[in-house]
Amino acid sequence: MAADADDLLAQVGSLKQRALALLFEAEGAKDVRGAVVACREVRECISLLAELAGKLDKSPKVNVLVMPEWVGLRATILQALEPYPEARLRLARALDEVTADARN
């Protein structure tokens, strides 16, 4: 498995070098369109290498703290605790801490 990963990294690294060579060639020939295409390929190779190395996470992120369902539920819970001001305050503070931690 590690050998497969190393091979994949080597292949992408090789593609990056080839794309760089094409970029330099296009620049030397004053081929702007070719240079732009080569730049995109170099960028994609760098992005893929970073992702494979675990330095770039492209997985989707969902922030439930801003979802209308959570905002409504939070308001409902805090409203239900109005007869219990100490519990309501403790919960509000705890939720604020969680929210602040999630933003950092």
PDB file of N, CA and C in Angstrom:
ATOM      1  N   MET A   1       0.816  -1.187   0.000  1.00  0.00           N
ATOM      2  CA  MET A   1       0.000   0.000   0.000  1.00  0.00           C
ATOM      3  C   MET A   1       0.868   1.262   0.000  1.00  0.00           C
ATOM      4  N   ALA A   2       1.888   1.311   0.867  1.00  0.00           N
ATOM      5  CA  ALA A   2       2.786   2.459   0.912  1.00  0.00           C
ATOM      6  C   ALA A   2       3.547   2.598  -0.395  1.00  0.00           C
ATOM      7  N   ALA A   3       3.902   1.458  -0.984  1.00  0.00           N
ATOM      8  CA  ALA A   3       4.601   1.496  -2.271  1.00  0.00           C
ATOM      9  C   ALA A   3       3.707   2.090  -3.345  1.00  0.00           C
ATOM     10  N   ASP A   4       2.419   1.750  -3.308  1.00  0.00           N
ATOM     11  CA  ASP A   4       1.474   2.327  -4.270  1.00  0.00           C
ATOM     12  C   ASP A   4       1.388   3.833  -4.097  1.00  0.00           C
ATOM     13  N   ALA A   5       1.333   4.300  -2.842  1.00  0.00           N
ATOM     14  CA  ALA A   5       1.251   5.729  -2.561  1.00  0.00           C
ATOM     15  C   ALA A   5       2.518   6.434  -3.033  1.00  0.00           C
ATOM     16  N   ASP A   6       3.667   5.823  -2.773  1.00  0.00           N
ATOM     17  CA  ASP A   6       4.930   6.411  -3.224  1.00  0.00           C
ATOM     18  C   ASP A   6       4.973   6.495  -4.741  1.00  0.00           C
ATOM     19  N   ASP A   7       4.487   5.448  -5.403  1.00  0.00           N
ATOM     20  CA  ASP A   7       4.454   5.428  -6.864  1.00  0.00           C
ATOM     21  C   ASP A   7       3.532   6.524  -7.395  1.00  0.00           C
ATOM     22  N   LEU A   8       2.397   6.692  -6.755  1.00  0.00           N
ATOM     23  CA  LEU A   8       1.459   7.724  -7.161  1.00  0.00           C
ATOM     24  C   LEU A   8       2.068   9.115  -6.985  1.00  0.00           C
ATOM     25  N   LEU A   9       2.727   9.337  -5.865  1.00  0.00           N
ATOM     26  CA  LEU A   9       3.394  10.618  -5.641  1.00  0.00           C
ATOM     27  C   LEU A   9       4.467  10.863  -6.701  1.00  0.00           C
ATOM     28  N   ALA A  10       5.212   9.829  -7.024  1.00  0.00           N
ATOM     29  CA  ALA A  10       6.258   9.966  -8.041  1.00  0.00           C
ATOM     30  C   ALA A  10       5.655  10.290  -9.406  1.00  0.00           C
ATOM     31  N   GLN A  11       4.556   9.652  -9.737  1.00  0.00           N
ATOM     32  CA  GLN A  11       3.908   9.913 -11.020  1.00  0.00           C
ATOM     33  C   GLN A  11       3.393  11.345 -11.108  1.00  0.00           C
ATOM     34  N   VAL A  12       2.767  11.812 -10.038  1.00  0.00           N
ATOM     35  CA  VAL A  12       2.262  13.187 -10.043  1.00  0.00           C
ATOM     36  C   VAL A  12       3.428  14.171 -10.071  1.00  0.00           C
ATOM     37  N   GLY A  13       4.493  13.857  -9.348  1.00  0.00           N
ATOM     38  CA  GLY A  13       5.687  14.705  -9.387  1.00  0.00           C
ATOM     39  C   GLY A  13       6.281  14.771 -10.789  1.00  0.00           C
ATOM     40  N   SER A  14       6.290  13.644 -11.466  1.00  0.00           N
ATOM     41  CA  SER A  14       6.776  13.600 -12.839  1.00  0.00           C
ATOM     42  C   SER A  14       5.886  14.437 -13.765  1.00  0.00           C
ATOM     43  N   LEU A  15       4.579  14.332 -13.579  1.00  0.00           N
ATOM     44  CA  LEU A  15       3.654  15.144 -14.376  1.00  0.00           C
ATOM     45  C   LEU A  15       3.874  16.630 -14.126  1.00  0.00           C
ATOM     46  N   LYS A  16       4.134  16.978 -12.881  1.00  0.00           N
ATOM     47  CA  LYS A  16       4.400  18.383 -12.557  1.00  0.00           C
ATOM     48  C   LYS A  16       5.649  18.872 -13.284  1.00  0.00           C
ATOM     49  N   GLN A  17       6.696  18.054 -13.294  1.00  0.00           N
ATOM     50  CA  GLN A  17       7.925  18.446 -13.988  1.00  0.00           C
ATOM     51  C   GLN A  17       7.694  18.601 -15.491  1.00  0.00           C
ATOM     52  N   ARG A  18       6.907  17.704 -16.065  1.00  0.00           N
ATOM     53  CA  ARG A  18       6.601  17.798 -17.502  1.00  0.00           C
ATOM     54  C   ARG A  18       5.771  19.044 -17.793  1.00  0.00           C
ATOM     55  N   ALA A  19       4.810  19.344 -16.912  1.00  0.00           N
ATOM     56  CA  ALA A  19       3.986  20.538 -17.093  1.00  0.00           C
ATOM     57  C   ALA A  19       4.838  21.803 -16.968  1.00  0.00           C
ATOM     58  N   LEU A  20       5.785  21.797 -16.031  1.00  0.00           N
ATOM     59  CA  LEU A  20       6.704  22.936 -15.904  1.00  0.00           C
ATOM     60  C   LEU A  20       7.547  23.106 -17.166  1.00  0.00           C
ATOM     61  N   ALA A  21       8.026  21.997 -17.710  1.00  0.00           N
ATOM     62  CA  ALA A  21       8.817  22.064 -18.943  1.00  0.00           C
ATOM     63  C   ALA A  21       7.985  22.642 -20.081  1.00  0.00           C
ATOM     64  N   LEU A  22       6.726  22.227 -20.173  1.00  0.00           N
ATOM     65  CA  LEU A  22       5.831  22.775 -21.198  1.00  0.00           C
ATOM     66  C   LEU A  22       5.562  24.260 -20.950  1.00  0.00           C
ATOM     67  N   LEU A  23       5.447  24.647 -19.710  1.00  0.00           N
ATOM     68  CA  LEU A  23       5.256  26.057 -19.379  1.00  0.00           C
ATOM     69  C   LEU A  23       6.455  26.881 -19.855  1.00  0.00           C
ATOM     70  N   PHE A  24       7.657  26.421 -19.537  1.00  0.00           N
ATOM     71  CA  PHE A  24       8.856  27.154 -19.955  1.00  0.00           C
ATOM     72  C   PHE A  24       8.965  27.212 -21.474  1.00  0.00           C
ATOM     73  N   GLU A  25       8.619  26.115 -22.122  1.00  0.00           N
ATOM     74  CA  GLU A  25       8.645  26.068 -23.581  1.00  0.00           C
ATOM     75  C   GLU A  25       7.644  27.064 -24.174  1.00  0.00           C
ATOM     76  N   ALA A  26       6.430  27.083 -23.620  1.00  0.00           N
ATOM     77  CA  ALA A  26       5.401  28.002 -24.116  1.00  0.00           C
ATOM     78  C   ALA A  26       5.810  29.453 -23.869  1.00  0.00           C
ATOM     79  N   GLU A  27       6.386  29.722 -22.718  1.00  0.00           N
ATOM     80  CA  GLU A  27       6.853  31.079 -22.438  1.00  0.00           C
ATOM     81  C   GLU A  27       7.952  31.494 -23.412  1.00  0.00           C
ATOM     82  N   GLY A  28       8.873  30.567 -23.670  1.00  0.00           N
ATOM     83  CA  GLY A  28       9.965  30.861 -24.606  1.00  0.00           C
ATOM     84  C   GLY A  28       9.459  31.138 -26.009  1.00  0.00           C
ATOM     85  N   ALA A  29       8.387  30.470 -26.390  1.00  0.00           N
ATOM     86  CA  ALA A  29       7.812  30.657 -27.722  1.00  0.00           C
ATOM     87  C   ALA A  29       6.799  31.808 -27.740  1.00  0.00           C
ATOM     88  N   LYS A  30       6.668  32.506 -26.619  1.00  0.00           N
ATOM     89  CA  LYS A  30       5.697  33.599 -26.496  1.00  0.00           C
ATOM     90  C   LYS A  30       4.268  33.123 -26.787  1.00  0.00           C
ATOM     91  N   ASP A  31       4.005  31.870 -26.423  1.00  0.00           N
ATOM     92  CA  ASP A  31       2.688  31.257 -26.601  1.00  0.00           C
ATOM     93  C   ASP A  31       1.903  31.467 -25.313  1.00  0.00           C
ATOM     94  N   VAL A  32       1.168  32.577 -25.256  1.00  0.00           N
ATOM     95  CA  VAL A  32       0.457  32.939 -24.036  1.00  0.00           C
ATOM     96  C   VAL A  32      -0.597  31.896 -23.684  1.00  0.00           C
ATOM     97  N   ARG A  33      -1.360  31.474 -24.657  1.00  0.00           N
ATOM     98  CA  ARG A  33      -2.412  30.486 -24.398  1.00  0.00           C
ATOM     99  C   ARG A  33      -1.803  29.175 -23.883  1.00  0.00           C
ATOM    100  N   GLY A  34      -0.741  28.723 -24.509  1.00  0.00           N
ATOM    101  CA  GLY A  34      -0.080  27.493 -24.066  1.00  0.00           C
ATOM    102  C   GLY A  34       0.489  27.641 -22.659  1.00  0.00           C
ATOM    103  N   ALA A  35       1.022  28.835 -22.356  1.00  0.00           N
ATOM    104  CA  ALA A  35       1.582  29.086 -21.025  1.00  0.00           C
ATOM    105  C   ALA A  35       0.484  29.056 -19.967  1.00  0.00           C
ATOM    106  N   VAL A  36      -0.675  29.625 -20.297  1.00  0.00           N
ATOM    107  CA  VAL A  36      -1.786  29.632 -19.343  1.00  0.00           C
ATOM    108  C   VAL A  36      -2.261  28.206 -19.080  1.00  0.00           C
ATOM    109  N   VAL A  37      -2.377  27.418 -20.128  1.00  0.00           N
ATOM    110  CA  VAL A  37      -2.804  26.026 -19.972  1.00  0.00           C
ATOM    111  C   VAL A  37      -1.782  25.261 -19.136  1.00  0.00           C
ATOM    112  N   ALA A  38      -0.515  25.469 -19.404  1.00  0.00           N
ATOM    113  CA  ALA A  38       0.534  24.779 -18.648  1.00  0.00           C
ATOM    114  C   ALA A  38       0.522  25.219 -17.179  1.00  0.00           C
ATOM    115  N   CYS A  39       0.279  26.509 -16.948  1.00  0.00           N
ATOM    116  CA  CYS A  39       0.188  27.005 -15.562  1.00  0.00           C
ATOM    117  C   CYS A  39      -0.933  26.285 -14.811  1.00  0.00           C
ATOM    118  N   ARG A  40      -2.067  26.106 -15.463  1.00  0.00           N
ATOM    119  CA  ARG A  40      -3.181  25.398 -14.825  1.00  0.00           C
ATOM    120  C   ARG A  40      -2.783  23.970 -14.473  1.00  0.00           C
ATOM    121  N   GLU A  41      -2.074  23.339 -15.376  1.00  0.00           N
ATOM    122  CA  GLU A  41      -1.670  21.950 -15.120  1.00  0.00           C
ATOM    123  C   GLU A  41      -0.667  21.873 -13.975  1.00  0.00           C
ATOM    124  N   VAL A  42       0.266  22.818 -13.942  1.00  0.00           N
ATOM    125  CA  VAL A  42       1.235  22.850 -12.841  1.00  0.00           C
ATOM    126  C   VAL A  42       0.488  23.064 -11.528  1.00  0.00           C
ATOM    127  N   ARG A  43      -0.448  24.010 -11.530  1.00  0.00           N
ATOM    128  CA  ARG A  43      -1.242  24.282 -10.325  1.00  0.00           C
ATOM    129  C   ARG A  43      -1.996  23.034  -9.867  1.00  0.00           C
ATOM    130  N   GLU A  44      -2.606  22.328 -10.805  1.00  0.00           N
ATOM    131  CA  GLU A  44      -3.348  21.109 -10.456  1.00  0.00           C
ATOM    132  C   GLU A  44      -2.420  20.040  -9.877  1.00  0.00           C
ATOM    133  N   CYS A  45      -1.248  19.908 -10.449  1.00  0.00           N
ATOM    134  CA  CYS A  45      -0.285  18.925  -9.931  1.00  0.00           C
ATOM    135  C   CYS A  45       0.150  19.285  -8.514  1.00  0.00           C
ATOM    136  N   ILE A  46       0.416  20.573  -8.285  1.00  0.00           N
ATOM    137  CA  ILE A  46       0.820  21.012  -6.950  1.00  0.00           C
ATOM    138  C   ILE A  46      -0.311  20.773  -5.957  1.00  0.00           C
ATOM    139  N   SER A  47      -1.531  21.092  -6.362  1.00  0.00           N
ATOM    140  CA  SER A  47      -2.697  20.872  -5.501  1.00  0.00           C
ATOM    141  C   SER A  47      -2.860  19.389  -5.172  1.00  0.00           C
ATOM    142  N   LEU A  48      -2.718  18.547  -6.179  1.00  0.00           N
ATOM    143  CA  LEU A  48      -2.848  17.105  -5.959  1.00  0.00           C
ATOM    144  C   LEU A  48      -1.737  16.580  -5.054  1.00  0.00           C
ATOM    145  N   LEU A  49      -0.519  17.047  -5.261  1.00  0.00           N
ATOM    146  CA  LEU A  49       0.583  16.630  -4.396  1.00  0.00           C
ATOM    147  C   LEU A  49       0.323  17.047  -2.943  1.00  0.00           C
ATOM    148  N   ALA A  50      -0.168  18.267  -2.755  1.00  0.00           N
ATOM    149  CA  ALA A  50      -0.477  18.738  -1.397  1.00  0.00           C
ATOM    150  C   ALA A  50      -1.586  17.911  -0.779  1.00  0.00           C
ATOM    151  N   GLU A  51      -2.596  17.591  -1.562  1.00  0.00           N
ATOM    152  CA  GLU A  51      -3.698  16.777  -1.055  1.00  0.00           C
ATOM    153  C   GLU A  51      -3.218  15.380  -0.675  1.00  0.00           C
ATOM    154  N   LEU A  52      -2.404  14.788  -1.540  1.00  0.00           N
ATOM    155  CA  LEU A  52      -1.890  13.443  -1.269  1.00  0.00           C
ATOM    156  C   LEU A  52      -0.972  13.426  -0.045  1.00  0.00           C
ATOM    157  N   ALA A  53      -0.273  14.535   0.174  1.00  0.00           N
ATOM    158  CA  ALA A  53       0.625  14.616   1.324  1.00  0.00           C
ATOM    159  C   ALA A  53      -0.120  14.979   2.599  1.00  0.00           C
ATOM    160  N   GLY A  54      -1.441  15.182   2.498  1.00  0.00           N
ATOM    161  CA  GLY A  54      -2.235  15.516   3.669  1.00  0.00           C
ATOM    162  C   GLY A  54      -2.144  16.971   4.073  1.00  0.00           C
ATOM    163  N   LYS A  55      -1.646  17.822   3.196  1.00  0.00           N
ATOM    164  CA  LYS A  55      -1.503  19.239   3.514  1.00  0.00           C
ATOM    165  C   LYS A  55      -2.650  20.077   2.961  1.00  0.00           C
ATOM    166  N   LEU A  56      -3.524  19.437   2.215  1.00  0.00           N
ATOM    167  CA  LEU A  56      -4.660  20.142   1.623  1.00  0.00           C
ATOM    168  C   LEU A  56      -5.884  19.249   1.745  1.00  0.00           C
ATOM    169  N   ASP A  57      -6.882  19.745   2.425  1.00  0.00           N
ATOM    170  CA  ASP A  57      -8.101  18.965   2.642  1.00  0.00           C
ATOM    171  C   ASP A  57      -9.214  19.559   1.796  1.00  0.00           C
ATOM    172  N   LYS A  58      -9.646  18.826   0.782  1.00  0.00           N
ATOM    173  CA  LYS A  58     -10.700  19.305  -0.104  1.00  0.00           C
ATOM    174  C   LYS A  58     -12.067  18.724   0.252  1.00  0.00           C
ATOM    175  N   SER A  59     -12.137  18.028   1.369  1.00  0.00           N
ATOM    176  CA  SER A  59     -13.423  17.446   1.737  1.00  0.00           C
ATOM    177  C   SER A  59     -14.401  18.550   2.127  1.00  0.00           C
ATOM    178  N   PRO A  60     -15.665  18.356   1.817  1.00  0.00           N
ATOM    179  CA  PRO A  60     -16.641  19.401   2.126  1.00  0.00           C
ATOM    180  C   PRO A  60     -16.787  19.603   3.630  1.00  0.00           C
ATOM    181  N   LYS A  61     -17.022  20.843   4.004  1.00  0.00           N
ATOM    182  CA  LYS A  61     -17.208  21.192   5.413  1.00  0.00           C
ATOM    183  C   LYS A  61     -18.635  21.686   5.607  1.00  0.00           C
ATOM    184  N   VAL A  62     -19.235  21.252   6.694  1.00  0.00           N
ATOM    185  CA  VAL A  62     -20.584  21.690   7.021  1.00  0.00           C
ATOM    186  C   VAL A  62     -20.528  22.353   8.389  1.00  0.00           C
ATOM    187  N   ASN A  63     -20.926  23.605   8.451  1.00  0.00           N
ATOM    188  CA  ASN A  63     -20.956  24.324   9.716  1.00  0.00           C
ATOM    189  C   ASN A  63     -22.394  24.335  10.224  1.00  0.00           C
ATOM    190  N   VAL A  64     -22.694  23.404  11.112  1.00  0.00           N
ATOM    191  CA  VAL A  64     -24.065  23.293  11.619  1.00  0.00           C
ATOM    192  C   VAL A  64     -24.442  24.489  12.481  1.00  0.00           C
ATOM    193  N   LEU A  65     -23.463  25.222  12.966  1.00  0.00           N
ATOM    194  CA  LEU A  65     -23.746  26.345  13.850  1.00  0.00           C
ATOM    195  C   LEU A  65     -24.457  27.490  13.142  1.00  0.00           C
ATOM    196  N   VAL A  66     -24.399  27.531  11.816  1.00  0.00           N
ATOM    197  CA  VAL A  66     -25.081  28.595  11.078  1.00  0.00           C
ATOM    198  C   VAL A  66     -26.311  28.085  10.336  1.00  0.00           C
ATOM    199  N   MET A  67     -26.586  26.807  10.481  1.00  0.00           N
ATOM    200  CA  MET A  67     -27.762  26.245   9.817  1.00  0.00           C
ATOM    201  C   MET A  67     -29.032  26.734  10.516  1.00  0.00           C
ATOM    202  N   PRO A  68     -30.051  27.110   9.742  1.00  0.00           N
ATOM    203  CA  PRO A  68     -31.294  27.611  10.339  1.00  0.00           C
ATOM    204  C   PRO A  68     -31.906  26.633  11.343  1.00  0.00           C
ATOM    205  N   GLU A  69     -31.762  25.339  11.076  1.00  0.00           N
ATOM    206  CA  GLU A  69     -32.326  24.344  11.997  1.00  0.00           C
ATOM    207  C   GLU A  69     -31.682  24.451  13.379  1.00  0.00           C
ATOM    208  N   TRP A  70     -30.345  24.611  13.413  1.00  0.00           N
ATOM    209  CA  TRP A  70     -29.648  24.716  14.695  1.00  0.00           C
ATOM    210  C   TRP A  70     -29.993  26.031  15.385  1.00  0.00           C
ATOM    211  N   VAL A  71     -30.022  27.116  14.637  1.00  0.00           N
ATOM    212  CA  VAL A  71     -30.330  28.417  15.225  1.00  0.00           C
ATOM    213  C   VAL A  71     -31.719  28.377  15.857  1.00  0.00           C
ATOM    214  N   GLY A  72     -32.684  27.777  15.171  1.00  0.00           N
ATOM    215  CA  GLY A  72     -34.033  27.656  15.713  1.00  0.00           C
ATOM    216  C   GLY A  72     -34.086  26.764  16.938  1.00  0.00           C
ATOM    217  N   LEU A  73     -33.377  25.641  16.886  1.00  0.00           N
ATOM    218  CA  LEU A  73     -33.358  24.724  18.022  1.00  0.00           C
ATOM    219  C   LEU A  73     -32.725  25.379  19.244  1.00  0.00           C
ATOM    220  N   ARG A  74     -31.645  26.092  19.035  1.00  0.00           N
ATOM    221  CA  ARG A  74     -30.980  26.786  20.141  1.00  0.00           C
ATOM    222  C   ARG A  74     -31.941  27.779  20.791  1.00  0.00           C
ATOM    223  N   ALA A  75     -32.640  28.558  19.972  1.00  0.00           N
ATOM    224  CA  ALA A  75     -33.594  29.534  20.502  1.00  0.00           C
ATOM    225  C   ALA A  75     -34.707  28.837  21.276  1.00  0.00           C
ATOM    226  N   THR A  76     -35.189  27.719  20.754  1.00  0.00           N
ATOM    227  CA  THR A  76     -36.259  26.969  21.423  1.00  0.00           C
ATOM    228  C   THR A  76     -35.803  26.441  22.778  1.00  0.00           C
ATOM    229  N   ILE A  77     -34.596  25.897  22.824  1.00  0.00           N
ATOM    230  CA  ILE A  77     -34.059  25.359  24.085  1.00  0.00           C
ATOM    231  C   ILE A  77     -33.890  26.477  25.113  1.00  0.00           C
ATOM    232  N   LEU A  78     -33.290  27.593  24.671  1.00  0.00           N
ATOM    233  CA  LEU A  78     -33.078  28.693  25.613  1.00  0.00           C
ATOM    234  C   LEU A  78     -34.413  29.273  26.089  1.00  0.00           C
ATOM    235  N   GLN A  79     -35.393  29.332  25.203  1.00  0.00           N
ATOM    236  CA  GLN A  79     -36.709  29.822  25.593  1.00  0.00           C
ATOM    237  C   GLN A  79     -37.361  28.868  26.599  1.00  0.00           C
ATOM    238  N   ALA A  80     -37.210  27.576  26.385  1.00  0.00           N
ATOM    239  CA  ALA A  80     -37.787  26.592  27.312  1.00  0.00           C
ATOM    240  C   ALA A  80     -37.150  26.682  28.695  1.00  0.00           C
ATOM    241  N   LEU A  81     -35.923  27.175  28.758  1.00  0.00           N
ATOM    242  CA  LEU A  81     -35.229  27.289  30.039  1.00  0.00           C
ATOM    243  C   LEU A  81     -35.447  28.635  30.729  1.00  0.00           C
ATOM    244  N   GLU A  82     -36.293  29.491  30.176  1.00  0.00           N
ATOM    245  CA  GLU A  82     -36.544  30.798  30.799  1.00  0.00           C
ATOM    246  C   GLU A  82     -36.970  30.684  32.266  1.00  0.00           C
ATOM    247  N   PRO A  83     -37.789  29.695  32.644  1.00  0.00           N
ATOM    248  CA  PRO A  83     -38.156  29.585  34.066  1.00  0.00           C
ATOM    249  C   PRO A  83     -36.973  29.177  34.960  1.00  0.00           C
ATOM    250  N   TYR A  84     -35.875  28.793  34.363  1.00  0.00           N
ATOM    251  CA  TYR A  84     -34.698  28.331  35.107  1.00  0.00           C
ATOM    252  C   TYR A  84     -33.492  29.183  34.700  1.00  0.00           C
ATOM    253  N   PRO A  85     -33.432  30.422  35.182  1.00  0.00           N
ATOM    254  CA  PRO A  85     -32.419  31.370  34.698  1.00  0.00           C
ATOM    255  C   PRO A  85     -30.976  30.894  34.867  1.00  0.00           C
ATOM    256  N   GLU A  86     -30.684  30.183  35.971  1.00  0.00           N
ATOM    257  CA  GLU A  86     -29.306  29.725  36.172  1.00  0.00           C
ATOM    258  C   GLU A  86     -28.926  28.670  35.128  1.00  0.00           C
ATOM    259  N   ALA A  87     -29.828  27.721  34.892  1.00  0.00           N
ATOM    260  CA  ALA A  87     -29.579  26.679  33.885  1.00  0.00           C
ATOM    261  C   ALA A  87     -29.497  27.303  32.490  1.00  0.00           C
ATOM    262  N   ARG A  88     -30.370  28.266  32.231  1.00  0.00           N
ATOM    263  CA  ARG A  88     -30.375  28.940  30.925  1.00  0.00           C
ATOM    264  C   ARG A  88     -29.053  29.661  30.682  1.00  0.00           C
ATOM    265  N   LEU A  89     -28.578  30.373  31.699  1.00  0.00           N
ATOM    266  CA  LEU A  89     -27.322  31.100  31.584  1.00  0.00           C
ATOM    267  C   LEU A  89     -26.144  30.146  31.380  1.00  0.00           C
ATOM    268  N   ARG A  90     -26.122  29.047  32.130  1.00  0.00           N
ATOM    269  CA  ARG A  90     -25.036  28.064  31.990  1.00  0.00           C
ATOM    270  C   ARG A  90     -25.032  27.457  30.587  1.00  0.00           C
ATOM    271  N   LEU A  91     -26.217  27.114  30.093  1.00  0.00           N
ATOM    272  CA  LEU A  91     -26.307  26.548  28.757  1.00  0.00           C
ATOM    273  C   LEU A  91     -25.879  27.568  27.705  1.00  0.00           C
ATOM    274  N   ALA A  92     -26.329  28.800  27.838  1.00  0.00           N
ATOM    275  CA  ALA A  92     -25.962  29.845  26.874  1.00  0.00           C
ATOM    276  C   ALA A  92     -24.449  30.028  26.839  1.00  0.00           C
ATOM    277  N   ARG A  93     -23.822  30.048  28.011  1.00  0.00           N
ATOM    278  CA  ARG A  93     -22.356  30.193  28.064  1.00  0.00           C
ATOM    279  C   ARG A  93     -21.652  28.993  27.430  1.00  0.00           C
ATOM    280  N   ALA A  94     -22.146  27.796  27.734  1.00  0.00           N
ATOM    281  CA  ALA A  94     -21.551  26.582  27.158  1.00  0.00           C
ATOM    282  C   ALA A  94     -21.691  26.582  25.638  1.00  0.00           C
ATOM    283  N   LEU A  95     -22.856  26.971  25.147  1.00  0.00           N
ATOM    284  CA  LEU A  95     -23.056  27.025  23.700  1.00  0.00           C
ATOM    285  C   LEU A  95     -22.162  28.085  23.060  1.00  0.00           C
ATOM    286  N   ASP A  96     -21.981  29.207  23.731  1.00  0.00           N
ATOM    287  CA  ASP A  96     -21.088  30.250  23.217  1.00  0.00           C
ATOM    288  C   ASP A  96     -19.648  29.748  23.141  1.00  0.00           C
ATOM    289  N   GLU A  97     -19.220  28.975  24.148  1.00  0.00           N
ATOM    290  CA  GLU A  97     -17.866  28.408  24.132  1.00  0.00           C
ATOM    291  C   GLU A  97     -17.684  27.441  22.967  1.00  0.00           C
ATOM    292  N   VAL A  98     -18.678  26.587  22.772  1.00  0.00           N
ATOM    293  CA  VAL A  98     -18.616  25.625  21.670  1.00  0.00           C
ATOM    294  C   VAL A  98     -18.553  26.357  20.325  1.00  0.00           C
ATOM    295  N   THR A  99     -19.367  27.395  20.206  1.00  0.00           N
ATOM    296  CA  THR A  99     -19.383  28.178  18.977  1.00  0.00           C
ATOM    297  C   THR A  99     -18.022  28.842  18.748  1.00  0.00           C
ATOM    298  N   ALA A 100     -17.458  29.418  19.796  1.00  0.00           N
ATOM    299  CA  ALA A 100     -16.148  30.074  19.669  1.00  0.00           C
ATOM    300  C   ALA A 100     -15.065  29.062  19.312  1.00  0.00           C
ATOM    301  N   ASP A 101     -15.089  27.889  19.924  1.00  0.00           N
ATOM    302  CA  ASP A 101     -14.097  26.842  19.619  1.00  0.00           C
ATOM    303  C   ASP A 101     -14.212  26.391  18.170  1.00  0.00           C
ATOM    304  N   ALA A 102     -15.439  26.284  17.675  1.00  0.00           N
ATOM    305  CA  ALA A 102     -15.653  25.813  16.298  1.00  0.00           C
ATOM    306  C   ALA A 102     -15.146  26.826  15.285  1.00  0.00           C
ATOM    307  N   ARG A 103     -15.119  28.089  15.641  1.00  0.00           N
ATOM    308  CA  ARG A 103     -14.658  29.131  14.711  1.00  0.00           C
ATOM    309  C   ARG A 103     -13.143  29.220  14.657  1.00  0.00           C
ATOM    310  N   ASN A 104     -12.479  28.699  15.662  1.00  0.00           N
ATOM    311  CA  ASN A 104     -11.000  28.775  15.708  1.00  0.00           C
ATOM    312  C   ASN A 104     -10.362  27.613  15.050  1.00  0.00           C
TER     313      ASN A 104
END
